[in-house]
Amino acid sequence: MMAVLATMHPFFVSMTDFNYNAKDKELEISVRIFMDDFENTIRKYHPGVKIDILHPDNQDQMNQFVSDYIQKHLQLKINGKAVQISFVGYEQQSESVWTYFEVKNIMGVQKLDVMNALLHDYNTNQINMMHVKVNDNEQNYKLDYPNTAVTFNF
């Protein structure tokens, strides 16, 4: 039993970084989630399917599961207009998974509305941290369950 407890982490947190790349006119998005929490959450939506993000039986299917979940639980408006985030990929870093998304053809960011409900459907202790960088302006925010919305102004 102690071995099981030792492998569990005591907090539930995600980190989402938004970086506006003015040269490429795109918003780059990186989301870090603890691997075990993310896999357990995806399992809820796909019962009977083996969920192993790092060693999937079907990489295309796992990409779809990861992309669909994040896109459903992380939604954006840039300058008041809803935008679709595009999945780029994911990778492991320590006991976390980093997922990458982008929004292309963004001429500038004056306002970023974020709806972030990542893992709220898994644990009510979930905290979603966000870091936004637009040009030289950086802002941070922490959303505690059940709060899901924040607006950044630049």
Protein backbone atom coordinates (compact mmCIF):
# COMPACT_ATOMS: atom_id res chain seq x y z
CA MET A 1 0.00 0.00 0.00
CA MET A 2 2.82 2.45 0.81
CA ALA A 3 4.33 1.96 -2.65
CA VAL A 4 1.02 3.01 -4.20
CA LEU A 5 0.80 6.12 -2.01
CA ALA A 6 4.40 7.06 -2.77
CA THR A 7 3.70 7.17 -6.51
CA MET A 8 0.62 9.41 -6.15
CA HIS A 9 1.10 13.15 -6.13
CA PRO A 10 -0.66 15.18 -3.44
CA PHE A 11 -2.00 17.99 -5.65
CA PHE A 12 -3.93 18.36 -8.88
CA VAL A 13 -2.61 21.10 -11.10
CA SER A 14 -2.19 21.91 -14.76
CA MET A 15 -0.08 24.67 -16.33
CA THR A 16 -1.10 26.30 -19.58
CA ASP A 17 1.28 28.67 -21.36
CA PHE A 18 0.03 31.03 -24.05
CA ASN A 19 2.68 32.81 -26.09
CA TYR A 20 1.81 35.22 -28.88
CA ASN A 21 4.43 34.93 -31.61
CA ALA A 22 4.12 38.25 -33.45
CA LYS A 23 6.62 37.27 -36.17
CA ASP A 24 4.62 34.17 -37.17
CA LYS A 25 1.26 35.76 -36.22
CA GLU A 26 0.21 32.81 -34.11
CA LEU A 27 -0.73 31.99 -30.55
CA GLU A 28 1.34 29.06 -29.28
CA ILE A 29 -0.24 27.01 -26.49
CA SER A 30 1.44 24.47 -24.22
CA VAL A 31 -0.52 22.50 -21.62
CA ARG A 32 1.20 20.48 -18.87
CA ILE A 33 -0.88 17.87 -17.03
CA PHE A 34 0.17 15.07 -14.71
CA MET A 35 0.24 11.90 -16.80
CA ASP A 36 -1.75 9.68 -14.43
CA ASP A 37 -4.53 12.26 -13.95
CA PHE A 38 -4.78 12.83 -17.69
CA GLU A 39 -4.91 9.11 -18.52
CA ASN A 40 -7.54 8.50 -15.83
CA THR A 41 -9.64 11.36 -17.17
CA ILE A 42 -9.44 10.14 -20.78
CA ARG A 43 -10.40 6.62 -19.59
CA LYS A 44 -13.71 8.02 -18.31
CA TYR A 45 -14.64 8.97 -21.88
CA HIS A 46 -13.34 5.81 -23.57
CA PRO A 47 -14.26 2.82 -21.39
CA GLY A 48 -12.90 -0.47 -22.64
CA VAL A 49 -10.07 1.20 -24.57
CA LYS A 50 -6.50 0.81 -23.30
CA ILE A 51 -5.31 4.33 -22.47
CA ASP A 52 -1.51 4.58 -22.41
CA ILE A 53 -0.44 7.99 -23.65
CA LEU A 54 3.25 7.09 -23.91
CA HIS A 55 2.86 3.64 -25.45
CA PRO A 56 -0.49 3.64 -27.26
CA ASP A 57 -1.65 0.69 -29.31
CA ASN A 58 -2.83 3.22 -31.91
CA GLN A 59 -0.94 6.55 -31.98
CA ASP A 60 -3.48 8.26 -34.26
CA GLN A 61 -6.32 7.28 -31.94
CA MET A 62 -4.42 8.53 -28.87
CA ASN A 63 -3.61 11.83 -30.64
CA GLN A 64 -7.35 12.19 -31.30
CA PHE A 65 -8.29 11.41 -27.67
CA VAL A 66 -5.74 13.92 -26.33
CA SER A 67 -6.68 16.61 -28.85
CA ASP A 68 -10.44 16.16 -28.38
CA TYR A 69 -10.24 16.33 -24.60
CA ILE A 70 -8.11 19.49 -24.50
CA GLN A 71 -10.13 21.24 -27.20
CA LYS A 72 -13.37 20.51 -25.33
CA HIS A 73 -12.02 21.77 -21.99
CA LEU A 74 -9.81 24.68 -23.13
CA GLN A 75 -11.61 27.23 -25.27
CA LEU A 76 -10.45 30.66 -26.33
CA LYS A 77 -11.66 33.96 -27.68
CA ILE A 78 -9.07 36.31 -29.11
CA ASN A 79 -10.17 39.94 -29.30
CA GLY A 80 -13.75 38.80 -28.66
CA LYS A 81 -13.80 36.18 -31.44
CA ALA A 82 -13.98 32.45 -30.69
CA VAL A 83 -11.03 30.57 -32.21
CA GLN A 84 -10.29 26.89 -32.78
CA ILE A 85 -7.02 25.62 -31.35
CA SER A 86 -5.12 23.20 -33.60
CA PHE A 87 -3.36 20.16 -32.14
CA VAL A 88 0.38 19.99 -32.82
CA GLY A 89 1.42 17.02 -30.64
CA TYR A 90 2.48 15.91 -27.18
CA GLU A 91 5.49 14.61 -25.29
CA GLN A 92 6.43 13.31 -21.85
CA GLN A 93 8.45 15.34 -19.39
CA SER A 94 9.06 13.61 -16.07
CA GLU A 95 5.64 12.50 -14.74
CA SER A 96 3.78 15.00 -16.89
CA VAL A 97 2.60 15.23 -20.45
CA TRP A 98 3.00 18.44 -22.42
CA THR A 99 0.46 18.97 -25.18
CA TYR A 100 0.95 21.60 -27.88
CA PHE A 101 -1.61 23.62 -29.82
CA GLU A 102 -1.61 26.73 -31.99
CA VAL A 103 -3.91 29.34 -33.47
CA LYS A 104 -2.62 30.76 -36.76
CA ASN A 105 -3.28 34.06 -38.52
CA ILE A 106 -3.63 36.21 -35.42
CA MET A 107 -2.73 39.81 -36.26
CA GLY A 108 -2.48 40.86 -32.61
CA VAL A 109 -3.85 40.10 -29.16
CA GLN A 110 -5.51 42.87 -27.17
CA LYS A 111 -7.83 40.56 -25.24
CA LEU A 112 -7.70 36.81 -24.51
CA ASP A 113 -10.75 35.13 -22.95
CA VAL A 114 -9.97 31.66 -21.62
CA MET A 115 -12.38 28.92 -20.54
CA ASN A 116 -10.20 26.34 -18.81
CA ALA A 117 -12.00 23.37 -17.23
CA LEU A 118 -9.13 20.90 -17.64
CA LEU A 119 -9.54 17.91 -15.31
CA HIS A 120 -12.49 19.48 -13.47
CA ASP A 121 -14.31 16.31 -14.51
CA TYR A 122 -11.61 14.26 -12.73
CA ASN A 123 -10.96 16.00 -9.41
CA THR A 124 -12.61 18.97 -7.67
CA ASN A 125 -9.24 19.92 -6.14
CA GLN A 126 -7.95 20.75 -9.63
CA ILE A 127 -6.07 24.04 -10.03
CA ASN A 128 -5.40 25.38 -13.53
CA MET A 129 -2.48 27.80 -13.69
CA MET A 130 -2.05 30.01 -16.73
CA HIS A 131 0.83 32.12 -18.01
CA VAL A 132 0.23 34.47 -20.93
CA LYS A 133 2.89 36.36 -22.86
CA VAL A 134 1.95 38.90 -25.50
CA ASN A 135 4.91 40.89 -26.79
CA ASP A 136 6.70 42.02 -23.60
CA ASN A 137 3.60 41.83 -21.42
CA GLU A 138 3.32 38.76 -19.17
CA GLN A 139 0.35 37.87 -16.97
CA ASN A 140 -0.45 34.92 -14.73
CA TYR A 141 -3.67 33.59 -13.28
CA LYS A 142 -4.81 30.65 -11.17
CA LEU A 143 -8.26 29.12 -11.63
CA ASP A 144 -9.46 27.03 -8.70
CA TYR A 145 -12.35 24.60 -9.16
CA PRO A 146 -15.15 25.37 -9.97
CA ASN A 147 -13.99 28.61 -11.66
CA THR A 148 -13.25 28.17 -15.36
CA ALA A 149 -13.08 31.64 -16.92
CA VAL A 150 -10.57 34.47 -17.01
CA THR A 151 -9.91 37.43 -19.32
CA PHE A 152 -6.45 38.83 -20.03
CA ASN A 153 -6.19 42.35 -21.44
CA PHE A 154 -3.11 43.79 -23.17
